[in-house]
Structures are given as structure tokens and as C-alpha cells.
Amino acid sequence: MKVRVHVAGLRDLDAALNQFKPAKRRAIWRVALDNAGEITAKAARSLAPKDSGGLAESIDVSGTLSRAQKSEHTKAAEQERFIGPDSRPQGHLREFGSDGNAPEPFMRPAWDQTKGQVLDRIGDELWVGIEKAASAAARKAAKG
């Protein structure tokens, strides 16, 4: 399942990020998305069924997908992070159900509960990353 979110009004943030080289921008985004994504991952772990072979413990924030997931994925942004269980089959079978088993959603409810916090946290984390990178650049310039 894909969930796309559009956030408007981030021109100042974008301008601040554009002062850095692409590798630094990606690093700032990665840290911000990982830290914010952990909010949803934590909620999903608490909502996941506990009787299915470590499903809750397998939920994480990551930049990688399984081979099967990669074949279905189309990259939509410069920086992407994924929240969910690892490639164990229980993940999607429990979330969406299967023959004879009713769905027990845990990822979608986790997102629905935390999306406001996550979006706020992304902005906060990006500003923190920008400030850290700018002060590090200033220290480096003062030395050299």
C-alpha cells in the first residue's frame, strides 16, 4: 500500500537545504525521516498482533525493501524511507487478511494515529539537521 503525503509551505526549509551539497541534503533528510518514522513504527509495534512469530519486533524504519517489494516499487522522491515489518509473510497476511483469516490491521491504524506528529517531527528534525550542518560548516571555515 502506498501512502503519499503532500506538505505545502516549506519554501524556507527548501531554500535552507539547498545551501548544502546533495550528499549532505540526503543525510539531513535521512536522519529526519528515520527519527520521525520511528513514531509510526513504535505505534505499529504496539498495535501488531503478538502471536505471530516476532511480527511486532520486525517493524522498523529502513531505506531498503525486500526483493519482492523492490519489484513493485516506483521511486517517487529523492529520499525515501520505509516503515513496516521485514519480509516475513505474516506482515501483509495479518494486515490485509487471507483465506479464512480476517484482517488485523496495524500499520494503517498506526499511520492514522501518528501522521500529524510525524509530519511536524519531520520539519523539526530538518531544521535541527540544517542548524547542525551550518554550524559544522562555520566551524570548518573558521579553522581553514
N, C-alpha and C. Protein backbone atom coordinates (compact mmCIF):
# COMPACT_ATOMS: atom_id res chain seq x y z
N MET A 1 0.84 -1.16 0.00
CA MET A 1 0.00 0.00 0.00
C MET A 1 0.89 1.23 0.00
N LYS A 2 0.59 2.17 -0.87
CA LYS A 2 1.33 3.41 -0.92
C LYS A 2 0.52 4.50 -0.25
N VAL A 3 1.19 5.31 0.51
CA VAL A 3 0.58 6.48 1.11
C VAL A 3 1.44 7.65 0.70
N ARG A 4 0.84 8.61 0.04
CA ARG A 4 1.58 9.80 -0.37
C ARG A 4 1.07 10.98 0.44
N VAL A 5 1.99 11.81 0.83
CA VAL A 5 1.66 12.98 1.63
C VAL A 5 2.24 14.19 0.94
N HIS A 6 1.45 15.21 0.80
CA HIS A 6 1.93 16.47 0.23
C HIS A 6 1.88 17.52 1.32
N VAL A 7 3.01 18.17 1.55
CA VAL A 7 3.09 19.22 2.56
C VAL A 7 3.44 20.51 1.84
N ALA A 8 2.63 21.52 2.02
CA ALA A 8 2.86 22.81 1.37
C ALA A 8 3.48 23.78 2.37
N GLY A 9 4.09 24.84 1.85
CA GLY A 9 4.60 25.90 2.70
C GLY A 9 5.99 25.66 3.25
N LEU A 10 6.78 24.91 2.54
CA LEU A 10 8.12 24.61 3.04
C LEU A 10 9.22 25.29 2.21
N ARG A 11 8.90 26.43 1.62
CA ARG A 11 9.89 27.13 0.78
C ARG A 11 11.15 27.53 1.56
N ASP A 12 10.97 28.03 2.79
CA ASP A 12 12.13 28.42 3.60
C ASP A 12 13.02 27.22 3.90
N LEU A 13 12.37 26.11 4.22
CA LEU A 13 13.11 24.90 4.51
C LEU A 13 13.88 24.43 3.29
N ASP A 14 13.22 24.46 2.15
CA ASP A 14 13.86 24.05 0.91
C ASP A 14 15.05 24.95 0.57
N ALA A 15 14.87 26.25 0.75
CA ALA A 15 15.97 27.18 0.48
C ALA A 15 17.15 26.92 1.41
N ALA A 16 16.85 26.64 2.68
CA ALA A 16 17.92 26.35 3.64
C ALA A 16 18.65 25.06 3.28
N LEU A 17 17.91 24.05 2.85
CA LEU A 17 18.55 22.78 2.47
C LEU A 17 19.40 22.93 1.21
N ASN A 18 18.97 23.79 0.30
CA ASN A 18 19.69 23.94 -0.97
C ASN A 18 21.05 24.60 -0.83
N GLN A 19 21.38 25.11 0.35
CA GLN A 19 22.72 25.67 0.54
C GLN A 19 23.77 24.58 0.70
N PHE A 20 23.34 23.33 0.88
CA PHE A 20 24.26 22.21 1.09
C PHE A 20 24.41 21.39 -0.18
N LYS A 21 25.49 20.64 -0.24
CA LYS A 21 25.70 19.72 -1.35
C LYS A 21 24.67 18.60 -1.28
N PRO A 22 24.39 17.94 -2.41
CA PRO A 22 23.36 16.90 -2.43
C PRO A 22 23.57 15.79 -1.41
N ALA A 23 24.80 15.36 -1.19
CA ALA A 23 25.05 14.28 -0.23
C ALA A 23 24.67 14.72 1.19
N LYS A 24 24.96 15.96 1.53
CA LYS A 24 24.61 16.47 2.87
C LYS A 24 23.10 16.61 3.00
N ARG A 25 22.44 17.08 1.94
CA ARG A 25 20.97 17.19 1.96
C ARG A 25 20.34 15.83 2.19
N ARG A 26 20.85 14.82 1.47
CA ARG A 26 20.30 13.46 1.64
C ARG A 26 20.51 12.96 3.07
N ALA A 27 21.66 13.25 3.64
CA ALA A 27 21.94 12.82 5.01
C ALA A 27 20.99 13.50 6.00
N ILE A 28 20.76 14.79 5.82
CA ILE A 28 19.84 15.52 6.70
C ILE A 28 18.44 14.94 6.58
N TRP A 29 17.98 14.71 5.35
CA TRP A 29 16.66 14.12 5.14
C TRP A 29 16.56 12.73 5.75
N ARG A 30 17.60 11.91 5.55
CA ARG A 30 17.57 10.54 6.05
C ARG A 30 17.40 10.51 7.57
N VAL A 31 18.16 11.32 8.27
CA VAL A 31 18.06 11.36 9.73
C VAL A 31 16.67 11.85 10.15
N ALA A 32 16.18 12.89 9.49
CA ALA A 32 14.86 13.44 9.84
C ALA A 32 13.76 12.41 9.60
N LEU A 33 13.81 11.72 8.46
CA LEU A 33 12.77 10.73 8.14
C LEU A 33 12.86 9.51 9.06
N ASP A 34 14.08 9.10 9.39
CA ASP A 34 14.24 7.97 10.32
C ASP A 34 13.67 8.31 11.70
N ASN A 35 14.04 9.48 12.21
CA ASN A 35 13.57 9.86 13.55
C ASN A 35 12.06 10.05 13.58
N ALA A 36 11.51 10.68 12.56
CA ALA A 36 10.06 10.89 12.52
C ALA A 36 9.33 9.57 12.27
N GLY A 37 9.87 8.73 11.41
CA GLY A 37 9.25 7.44 11.11
C GLY A 37 9.18 6.52 12.30
N GLU A 38 10.10 6.70 13.23
CA GLU A 38 10.10 5.86 14.43
C GLU A 38 8.82 6.06 15.25
N ILE A 39 8.19 7.22 15.15
CA ILE A 39 6.92 7.47 15.85
C ILE A 39 5.87 6.48 15.37
N THR A 40 5.74 6.33 14.05
CA THR A 40 4.76 5.40 13.48
C THR A 40 5.18 3.96 13.73
N ALA A 41 6.47 3.68 13.63
CA ALA A 41 6.95 2.31 13.87
C ALA A 41 6.62 1.87 15.30
N LYS A 42 6.82 2.75 16.25
CA LYS A 42 6.52 2.43 17.65
C LYS A 42 5.02 2.15 17.83
N ALA A 43 4.19 2.97 17.22
CA ALA A 43 2.74 2.75 17.31
C ALA A 43 2.36 1.43 16.64
N ALA A 44 2.96 1.13 15.50
CA ALA A 44 2.65 -0.11 14.79
C ALA A 44 3.07 -1.33 15.61
N ARG A 45 4.24 -1.24 16.27
CA ARG A 45 4.68 -2.35 17.13
C ARG A 45 3.68 -2.60 18.24
N SER A 46 3.12 -1.54 18.79
CA SER A 46 2.15 -1.73 19.88
C SER A 46 0.83 -2.28 19.38
N LEU A 47 0.48 -2.02 18.11
CA LEU A 47 -0.79 -2.49 17.55
C LEU A 47 -0.68 -3.86 16.87
N ALA A 48 0.51 -4.29 16.54
CA ALA A 48 0.71 -5.54 15.80
C ALA A 48 0.30 -6.74 16.65
N PRO A 49 -0.28 -7.75 16.00
CA PRO A 49 -0.61 -8.97 16.74
C PRO A 49 0.66 -9.57 17.35
N LYS A 50 0.57 -10.04 18.57
CA LYS A 50 1.76 -10.51 19.29
C LYS A 50 1.98 -12.02 19.18
N ASP A 51 1.09 -12.72 18.50
CA ASP A 51 1.19 -14.18 18.45
C ASP A 51 1.74 -14.71 17.13
N SER A 52 2.46 -13.89 16.38
CA SER A 52 2.82 -14.33 15.03
C SER A 52 4.32 -14.27 14.76
N GLY A 53 5.08 -14.91 15.56
CA GLY A 53 6.50 -15.10 15.26
C GLY A 53 7.34 -13.85 15.17
N GLY A 54 7.17 -12.93 16.09
CA GLY A 54 8.04 -11.76 16.12
C GLY A 54 7.66 -10.66 15.16
N LEU A 55 6.41 -10.62 14.74
CA LEU A 55 5.98 -9.60 13.79
C LEU A 55 6.22 -8.20 14.35
N ALA A 56 5.79 -7.96 15.57
CA ALA A 56 5.94 -6.62 16.16
C ALA A 56 7.40 -6.21 16.22
N GLU A 57 8.27 -7.13 16.58
CA GLU A 57 9.70 -6.82 16.69
C GLU A 57 10.35 -6.56 15.33
N SER A 58 9.73 -7.04 14.27
CA SER A 58 10.33 -6.87 12.94
C SER A 58 9.99 -5.52 12.31
N ILE A 59 9.12 -4.74 12.92
CA ILE A 59 8.72 -3.45 12.36
C ILE A 59 9.84 -2.45 12.60
N ASP A 60 10.26 -1.79 11.52
CA ASP A 60 11.39 -0.88 11.61
C ASP A 60 11.26 0.21 10.54
N VAL A 61 12.12 1.22 10.65
CA VAL A 61 12.25 2.26 9.64
C VAL A 61 13.53 1.95 8.88
N SER A 62 13.44 1.90 7.55
CA SER A 62 14.58 1.47 6.76
C SER A 62 14.58 2.15 5.41
N GLY A 63 15.71 2.11 4.76
CA GLY A 63 15.83 2.62 3.40
C GLY A 63 15.83 1.53 2.36
N THR A 64 15.66 0.28 2.80
CA THR A 64 15.71 -0.84 1.87
C THR A 64 14.40 -1.60 1.85
N LEU A 65 14.16 -2.26 0.75
CA LEU A 65 12.99 -3.11 0.58
C LEU A 65 13.46 -4.52 0.25
N SER A 66 12.59 -5.48 0.46
CA SER A 66 12.91 -6.85 0.05
C SER A 66 12.91 -6.92 -1.48
N ARG A 67 13.42 -7.99 -2.03
CA ARG A 67 13.45 -8.16 -3.48
C ARG A 67 12.05 -8.07 -4.08
N ALA A 68 11.07 -8.71 -3.44
CA ALA A 68 9.70 -8.67 -3.95
C ALA A 68 9.13 -7.26 -3.88
N GLN A 69 9.41 -6.56 -2.78
CA GLN A 69 8.91 -5.19 -2.65
C GLN A 69 9.55 -4.27 -3.68
N LYS A 70 10.84 -4.45 -3.95
CA LYS A 70 11.52 -3.61 -4.92
C LYS A 70 10.90 -3.74 -6.30
N SER A 71 10.48 -4.94 -6.66
CA SER A 71 9.91 -5.13 -7.99
C SER A 71 8.58 -4.39 -8.14
N GLU A 72 7.90 -4.12 -7.04
CA GLU A 72 6.61 -3.43 -7.08
C GLU A 72 6.75 -1.92 -6.88
N HIS A 73 7.93 -1.45 -6.48
CA HIS A 73 8.10 -0.07 -6.07
C HIS A 73 8.57 0.83 -7.20
N THR A 74 8.00 2.01 -7.28
CA THR A 74 8.47 3.06 -8.17
C THR A 74 8.96 4.20 -7.32
N LYS A 75 10.20 4.56 -7.48
CA LYS A 75 10.77 5.63 -6.65
C LYS A 75 10.04 6.94 -6.94
N ALA A 76 9.60 7.60 -5.85
CA ALA A 76 8.79 8.80 -6.00
C ALA A 76 9.49 10.06 -5.53
N ALA A 77 10.59 9.93 -4.81
CA ALA A 77 11.24 11.11 -4.26
C ALA A 77 12.74 10.89 -4.19
N GLU A 78 13.46 11.98 -4.00
CA GLU A 78 14.92 11.90 -3.87
C GLU A 78 15.32 11.07 -2.66
N GLN A 79 14.59 11.22 -1.59
CA GLN A 79 14.89 10.49 -0.35
C GLN A 79 13.63 9.77 0.11
N GLU A 80 13.74 8.48 0.29
CA GLU A 80 12.60 7.67 0.74
C GLU A 80 13.03 6.81 1.92
N ARG A 81 12.12 6.63 2.85
CA ARG A 81 12.31 5.71 3.96
C ARG A 81 11.03 4.90 4.06
N PHE A 82 11.14 3.69 4.54
CA PHE A 82 10.02 2.78 4.61
C PHE A 82 9.80 2.34 6.05
N ILE A 83 8.53 2.26 6.44
CA ILE A 83 8.18 1.83 7.79
C ILE A 83 7.35 0.57 7.65
N GLY A 84 7.74 -0.49 8.34
CA GLY A 84 6.94 -1.70 8.29
C GLY A 84 7.74 -2.91 8.71
N PRO A 85 7.07 -4.06 8.68
CA PRO A 85 7.75 -5.29 9.06
C PRO A 85 8.72 -5.72 7.98
N ASP A 86 9.63 -6.62 8.35
CA ASP A 86 10.56 -7.14 7.36
C ASP A 86 9.80 -8.04 6.38
N SER A 87 10.48 -8.85 5.64
CA SER A 87 9.85 -9.61 4.56
C SER A 87 9.10 -10.86 5.02
N ARG A 88 8.88 -11.01 6.31
CA ARG A 88 8.09 -12.16 6.79
C ARG A 88 6.69 -12.10 6.20
N PRO A 89 6.14 -13.24 5.80
CA PRO A 89 4.81 -13.21 5.19
C PRO A 89 3.70 -12.80 6.16
N GLN A 90 3.94 -12.92 7.47
CA GLN A 90 2.89 -12.56 8.42
C GLN A 90 2.48 -11.10 8.28
N GLY A 91 3.41 -10.23 7.90
CA GLY A 91 3.13 -8.81 7.84
C GLY A 91 1.91 -8.48 7.02
N HIS A 92 1.96 -8.78 5.73
CA HIS A 92 0.81 -8.43 4.88
C HIS A 92 -0.37 -9.36 5.12
N LEU A 93 -0.13 -10.61 5.50
CA LEU A 93 -1.25 -11.51 5.76
C LEU A 93 -2.06 -11.07 6.97
N ARG A 94 -1.40 -10.56 7.98
CA ARG A 94 -2.11 -10.08 9.16
C ARG A 94 -2.77 -8.73 8.88
N GLU A 95 -2.08 -7.85 8.18
CA GLU A 95 -2.62 -6.52 7.89
C GLU A 95 -3.87 -6.60 7.02
N PHE A 96 -3.83 -7.42 5.97
CA PHE A 96 -4.91 -7.45 4.99
C PHE A 96 -5.79 -8.69 5.07
N GLY A 97 -5.39 -9.69 5.84
CA GLY A 97 -6.15 -10.93 5.95
C GLY A 97 -5.79 -11.89 4.82
N SER A 98 -6.30 -13.09 4.93
CA SER A 98 -6.07 -14.11 3.90
C SER A 98 -7.26 -15.06 3.93
N ASP A 99 -7.23 -16.08 3.13
CA ASP A 99 -8.34 -17.04 3.09
C ASP A 99 -8.61 -17.57 4.49
N GLY A 100 -9.78 -17.29 4.98
CA GLY A 100 -10.18 -17.80 6.28
C GLY A 100 -9.68 -17.00 7.47
N ASN A 101 -8.84 -16.01 7.24
CA ASN A 101 -8.33 -15.18 8.33
C ASN A 101 -8.73 -13.72 8.09
N ALA A 102 -9.40 -13.17 9.07
CA ALA A 102 -9.83 -11.77 8.96
C ALA A 102 -8.62 -10.84 9.08
N PRO A 103 -8.68 -9.67 8.46
CA PRO A 103 -7.57 -8.72 8.59
C PRO A 103 -7.44 -8.23 10.03
N GLU A 104 -6.19 -8.01 10.43
CA GLU A 104 -5.88 -7.41 11.73
C GLU A 104 -4.93 -6.24 11.47
N PRO A 105 -5.47 -5.15 10.94
CA PRO A 105 -4.59 -4.04 10.55
C PRO A 105 -3.84 -3.45 11.73
N PHE A 106 -2.59 -3.13 11.48
CA PHE A 106 -1.75 -2.48 12.49
C PHE A 106 -0.94 -1.34 11.89
N MET A 107 -0.55 -1.44 10.62
CA MET A 107 0.24 -0.37 10.00
C MET A 107 -0.63 0.85 9.67
N ARG A 108 -1.75 0.63 9.02
CA ARG A 108 -2.60 1.77 8.65
C ARG A 108 -3.13 2.50 9.88
N PRO A 109 -3.63 1.77 10.90
CA PRO A 109 -4.06 2.49 12.10
C PRO A 109 -2.92 3.25 12.78
N ALA A 110 -1.71 2.69 12.73
CA ALA A 110 -0.57 3.38 13.32
C ALA A 110 -0.30 4.69 12.58
N TRP A 111 -0.36 4.64 11.25
CA TRP A 111 -0.16 5.86 10.47
C TRP A 111 -1.27 6.86 10.76
N ASP A 112 -2.50 6.40 10.77
CA ASP A 112 -3.63 7.30 11.02
C ASP A 112 -3.50 7.99 12.38
N GLN A 113 -3.00 7.27 13.37
CA GLN A 113 -2.84 7.83 14.72
C GLN A 113 -1.69 8.82 14.81
N THR A 114 -0.66 8.65 14.01
CA THR A 114 0.58 9.40 14.22
C THR A 114 0.94 10.37 13.10
N LYS A 115 0.19 10.41 12.01
CA LYS A 115 0.64 11.19 10.85
C LYS A 115 0.87 12.67 11.16
N GLY A 116 0.05 13.27 11.98
CA GLY A 116 0.26 14.67 12.34
C GLY A 116 1.56 14.88 13.08
N GLN A 117 1.83 13.99 14.05
CA GLN A 117 3.07 14.08 14.82
C GLN A 117 4.28 13.86 13.91
N VAL A 118 4.15 12.90 13.00
CA VAL A 118 5.26 12.57 12.11
C VAL A 118 5.60 13.75 11.21
N LEU A 119 4.59 14.36 10.61
CA LEU A 119 4.84 15.48 9.71
C LEU A 119 5.45 16.67 10.46
N ASP A 120 4.97 16.93 11.67
CA ASP A 120 5.56 18.00 12.48
C ASP A 120 7.01 17.67 12.82
N ARG A 121 7.25 16.42 13.17
CA ARG A 121 8.60 16.00 13.57
C ARG A 121 9.57 16.09 12.40
N ILE A 122 9.12 15.78 11.20
CA ILE A 122 10.00 15.88 10.03
C ILE A 122 10.51 17.30 9.89
N GLY A 123 9.60 18.28 9.95
CA GLY A 123 10.01 19.68 9.85
C GLY A 123 10.98 20.06 10.95
N ASP A 124 10.67 19.67 12.18
CA ASP A 124 11.56 19.99 13.31
C ASP A 124 12.94 19.36 13.12
N GLU A 125 12.95 18.10 12.73
CA GLU A 125 14.23 17.39 12.55
C GLU A 125 15.04 17.98 11.40
N LEU A 126 14.36 18.41 10.34
CA LEU A 126 15.09 19.02 9.22
C LEU A 126 15.76 20.31 9.67
N TRP A 127 15.05 21.14 10.43
CA TRP A 127 15.66 22.38 10.92
C TRP A 127 16.84 22.09 11.85
N VAL A 128 16.71 21.09 12.70
CA VAL A 128 17.82 20.71 13.58
C VAL A 128 19.02 20.28 12.74
N GLY A 129 18.77 19.46 11.73
CA GLY A 129 19.85 19.00 10.85
C GLY A 129 20.51 20.14 10.10
N ILE A 130 19.70 21.09 9.64
CA ILE A 130 20.24 22.25 8.92
C ILE A 130 21.11 23.08 9.85
N GLU A 131 20.63 23.32 11.07
CA GLU A 131 21.41 24.10 12.03
C GLU A 131 22.73 23.41 12.38
N LYS A 132 22.68 22.10 12.58
CA LYS A 132 23.92 21.36 12.88
C LYS A 132 24.90 21.44 11.72
N ALA A 133 24.39 21.23 10.50
CA ALA A 133 25.26 21.26 9.33
C ALA A 133 25.84 22.65 9.11
N ALA A 134 25.04 23.69 9.33
CA ALA A 134 25.51 25.06 9.15
C ALA A 134 26.57 25.41 10.18
N SER A 135 26.37 25.00 11.43
CA SER A 135 27.37 25.31 12.46
C SER A 135 28.65 24.51 12.23
N ALA A 136 28.53 23.28 11.74
CA ALA A 136 29.72 22.49 11.42
C ALA A 136 30.48 23.13 10.27
N ALA A 137 29.76 23.64 9.28
CA ALA A 137 30.41 24.32 8.15
C ALA A 137 31.10 25.61 8.62
N ALA A 138 30.45 26.31 9.54
CA ALA A 138 31.05 27.54 10.07
C ALA A 138 32.33 27.23 10.86
N ARG A 139 32.30 26.16 11.66
CA ARG A 139 33.49 25.76 12.41
C ARG A 139 34.62 25.36 11.45
N LYS A 140 34.27 24.66 10.42
CA LYS A 140 35.28 24.24 9.44
C LYS A 140 35.86 25.46 8.72
N ALA A 141 35.02 26.42 8.38
CA ALA A 141 35.50 27.62 7.72
C ALA A 141 36.40 28.44 8.65
N ALA A 142 36.09 28.47 9.93
CA ALA A 142 36.90 29.22 10.90
C ALA A 142 38.27 28.58 11.08
N LYS A 143 38.34 27.27 10.99
CA LYS A 143 39.62 26.56 11.12
C LYS A 143 40.51 26.81 9.90
N GLY A 144 39.88 26.76 8.73
CA GLY A 144 40.67 26.82 7.50
C GLY A 144 40.74 28.18 6.97
